[in-house]
C-alpha atoms as a PDB file:
ATOM      1  CA  VAL A   1    -179.023-116.771  47.828  1.00  0.00           C
ATOM      2  CA  ARG A   2    -175.935-116.520  45.635  1.00  0.00           C
ATOM      3  CA  PHE A   3    -175.378-116.260  41.907  1.00  0.00           C
ATOM      4  CA  GLU A   4    -172.224-117.418  40.141  1.00  0.00           C
ATOM      5  CA  ASP A   5    -170.641-116.548  36.824  1.00  0.00           C
ATOM      6  CA  VAL A   6    -167.729-118.317  35.153  1.00  0.00           C
ATOM      7  CA  VAL A   7    -165.522-116.086  33.021  1.00  0.00           C
ATOM      8  CA  ARG A   8    -162.728-117.063  30.628  1.00  0.00           C
ATOM      9  CA  VAL A   9    -160.214-114.206  30.745  1.00  0.00           C
ATOM     10  CA  PRO A  10    -157.545-113.942  28.022  1.00  0.00           C
ATOM     11  CA  VAL A  11    -154.211-113.138  29.691  1.00  0.00           C
ATOM     12  CA  THR A  12    -152.616-109.977  28.320  1.00  0.00           C
ATOM     13  CA  GLY A  13    -149.811-109.637  30.877  1.00  0.00           C
ATOM     14  CA  PRO A  14    -148.869-110.253  34.513  1.00  0.00           C
ATOM     15  CA  VAL A  15    -151.800-108.027  35.534  1.00  0.00           C
ATOM     16  CA  THR A  16    -154.909-108.546  33.430  1.00  0.00           C
ATOM     17  CA  THR A  17    -158.351-107.016  33.882  1.00  0.00           C
ATOM     18  CA  ALA A  18    -161.730-107.935  32.445  1.00  0.00           C
ATOM     19  CA  ARG A  19    -165.208-106.456  32.781  1.00  0.00           C
ATOM     20  CA  LEU A  20    -167.861-108.696  34.256  1.00  0.00           C
ATOM     21  CA  ASP A  21    -171.197-109.271  32.524  1.00  0.00           C
ATOM     22  CA  PRO A  22    -173.359-106.227  33.364  1.00  0.00           C
ATOM     23  CA  VAL A  23    -176.477-108.403  33.753  1.00  0.00           C
ATOM     24  CA  PHE A  24    -174.678-110.565  36.342  1.00  0.00           C
ATOM     25  CA  VAL A  25    -173.397-107.496  38.195  1.00  0.00           C
ATOM     26  CA  GLY A  26    -176.884-105.943  38.071  1.00  0.00           C
ATOM     27  CA  VAL A  27    -178.645-108.904  39.717  1.00  0.00           C
ATOM     28  CA  CYS A  28    -176.161-108.972  42.627  1.00  0.00           C
ATOM     29  CA  GLU A  29    -175.952-106.791  45.721  1.00  0.00           C
ATOM     30  CA  PRO A  30    -173.387-103.997  45.342  1.00  0.00           C
ATOM     31  CA  ASP A  31    -169.978-104.888  46.808  1.00  0.00           C
ATOM     32  CA  SER A  32    -170.940-108.549  47.267  1.00  0.00           C
ATOM     33  CA  LEU A  33    -168.943-109.960  44.340  1.00  0.00           C
ATOM     34  CA  ASP A  34    -165.982-112.166  45.206  1.00  0.00           C
ATOM     35  CA  VAL A  35    -163.696-114.478  43.256  1.00  0.00           C
ATOM     36  CA  VAL A  36    -164.265-117.992  44.605  1.00  0.00           C
ATOM     37  CA  SER A  37    -161.875-119.765  42.242  1.00  0.00           C
ATOM     38  CA  VAL A  38    -159.330-119.101  39.546  1.00  0.00           C
ATOM     39  CA  THR A  39    -157.583-121.729  37.483  1.00  0.00           C
ATOM     40  CA  THR A  40    -155.169-121.896  34.567  1.00  0.00           C
ATOM     41  CA  PRO A  41    -154.545-124.520  31.883  1.00  0.00           C
ATOM     42  CA  THR A  42    -150.849-124.614  32.842  1.00  0.00           C
ATOM     43  CA  PRO A  43    -149.179-124.307  36.267  1.00  0.00           C
ATOM     44  CA  ALA A  44    -148.884-120.690  37.399  1.00  0.00           C
ATOM     45  CA  THR A  45    -149.037-118.603  40.538  1.00  0.00           C
ATOM     46  CA  VAL A  46    -152.302-116.711  40.234  1.00  0.00           C
ATOM     47  CA  GLY A  47    -154.617-114.539  42.290  1.00  0.00           C
ATOM     48  CA  ALA A  48    -157.755-112.620  41.395  1.00  0.00           C
ATOM     49  CA  ALA A  49    -160.105-110.083  42.954  1.00  0.00           C
ATOM     50  CA  VAL A  50    -163.212-108.109  41.999  1.00  0.00           C
ATOM     51  CA  SER A  51    -163.550-104.361  42.277  1.00  0.00           C
ATOM     52  CA  GLY A  52    -166.867-102.947  41.115  1.00  0.00           C
ATOM     53  CA  ASP A  53    -167.602-104.579  37.765  1.00  0.00           C
ATOM     54  CA  THR A  54    -164.006-105.549  36.992  1.00  0.00           C
ATOM     55  CA  VAL A  55    -161.987-108.644  37.838  1.00  0.00           C
ATOM     56  CA  THR A  56    -158.215-108.221  38.136  1.00  0.00           C
ATOM     57  CA  VAL A  57    -155.965-111.248  37.695  1.00  0.00           C
ATOM     58  CA  ARG A  58    -152.333-111.207  38.841  1.00  0.00           C
ATOM     59  CA  LEU A  59    -149.893-113.876  37.625  1.00  0.00           C
ATOM     60  CA  GLU A  60    -146.274-114.769  38.267  1.00  0.00           C
ATOM     61  CA  GLY A  61    -144.045-116.987  36.178  1.00  0.00           C
ATOM     62  CA  ASP A  62    -144.889-118.268  32.714  1.00  0.00           C
ATOM     63  CA  LEU A  63    -148.139-116.680  31.586  1.00  0.00           C
ATOM     64  CA  PRO A  64    -150.916-119.036  30.471  1.00  0.00           C
ATOM     65  CA  PRO A  65    -153.046-118.027  27.471  1.00  0.00           C
ATOM     66  CA  PHE A  66    -156.139-117.612  29.658  1.00  0.00           C
ATOM     67  CA  VAL A  67    -157.555-118.124  33.154  1.00  0.00           C
ATOM     68  CA  ILE A  68    -160.984-119.287  34.253  1.00  0.00           C
ATOM     69  CA  VAL A  69    -162.437-117.158  37.046  1.00  0.00           C
ATOM     70  CA  THR A  70    -165.553-118.051  39.038  1.00  0.00           C
ATOM     71  CA  VAL A  71    -167.245-115.063  40.644  1.00  0.00           C
ATOM     72  CA  SER A  72    -169.978-115.303  43.283  1.00  0.00           C
ATOM     73  CA  GLY A  73    -172.347-112.579  44.438  1.00  0.00           C
ATOM     74  CA  VAL A  74    -175.316-112.196  46.763  1.00  0.00           C
ATOM     75  CA  ARG A  75    -178.634-111.923  44.914  1.00  0.00           C
ATOM     76  CA  ALA A  76    -180.009-108.370  44.898  1.00  0.00           C
ATOM     77  CA  GLY A  77    -182.384-107.940  47.825  1.00  0.00           C
ATOM     78  CA  SER A  78    -180.850-110.826  49.788  1.00  0.00           C
ATOM     79  CA  ARG A  79    -178.066-109.043  51.689  1.00  0.00           C
ATOM     80  CA  GLY A  80    -177.830-110.496  55.179  1.00  0.00           C
ATOM     81  CA  VAL A  81    -180.274-113.326  54.405  1.00  0.00           C
ATOM     82  CA  ARG A  82    -178.840-116.852  54.457  1.00  0.00           C
ATOM     83  CA  PHE A  83    -181.599-119.398  54.951  1.00  0.00           C
ATOM     84  CA  PRO A  84    -185.002-117.695  55.054  1.00  0.00           C
ATOM     85  CA  ARG A  85    -187.905-119.690  56.473  1.00  0.00           C
ATOM     86  CA  LYS A  86    -190.498-120.728  53.907  1.00  0.00           C
ATOM     87  CA  THR A  87    -193.984-122.189  54.179  1.00  0.00           C
ATOM     88  CA  ARG A  88    -194.898-125.682  53.018  1.00  0.00           C
ATOM     89  CA  ASP A  89    -196.880-124.147  50.133  1.00  0.00           C
ATOM     90  CA  GLN A  90    -193.829-122.150  49.013  1.00  0.00           C
ATOM     91  CA  MET A  91    -191.729-125.323  49.141  1.00  0.00           C
ATOM     92  CA  LEU A  92    -194.236-127.265  47.005  1.00  0.00           C
ATOM     93  CA  ARG A  93    -194.422-124.472  44.408  1.00  0.00           C
ATOM     94  CA  ASN A  94    -190.617-124.243  44.312  1.00  0.00           C
ATOM     95  CA  ASN A  95    -190.296-128.024  43.877  1.00  0.00           C
ATOM     96  CA  ALA A  96    -192.909-127.961  41.076  1.00  0.00           C
ATOM     97  CA  PHE A  97    -190.966-125.202  39.328  1.00  0.00           C
ATOM     98  CA  TRP A  98    -187.665-127.128  39.436  1.00  0.00           C
ATOM     99  CA  ASP A  99    -189.398-130.400  38.452  1.00  0.00           C
ATOM    100  CA  GLN A 100    -190.235-128.787  35.083  1.00  0.00           C
ATOM    101  CA  SER A 101    -186.586-129.105  34.066  1.00  0.00           C
ATOM    102  CA  LYS A 102    -186.489-132.889  34.469  1.00  0.00           C
ATOM    103  CA  CYS A 103    -186.527-134.923  31.287  1.00  0.00           C
END
C-alpha cells in the first residue's frame, strides 16, 4: 500500500529544499519516501530526491517559478507487503466502504 502527496515547491535557487507535510511523513514507513515525478511550468533540467522529511530539488538553466513534486511512500506497517491476501468478507466490506463515495 502506498500513499502519495503532491507538493508545489517555490523555486528559490538552483538548489531548493522544502519540508514535506508532517502528517504525510508520519503515516509512511521511515525511509520509504521517494520522488516519483517532478515537473516545471517551463522547460528546465530538474531532479529531486527525498531525505528524511525534506525534498531537495536541483535545477539547471533558466529557473522556473515553481516545481510540482509527487512523493510516494509505503504506508506505515506495510513494509515488505505488496498484495496481501484478503477474504471475500474483507473484499465486500472494502467495496461497500468505497461505494459510499459514489454520487
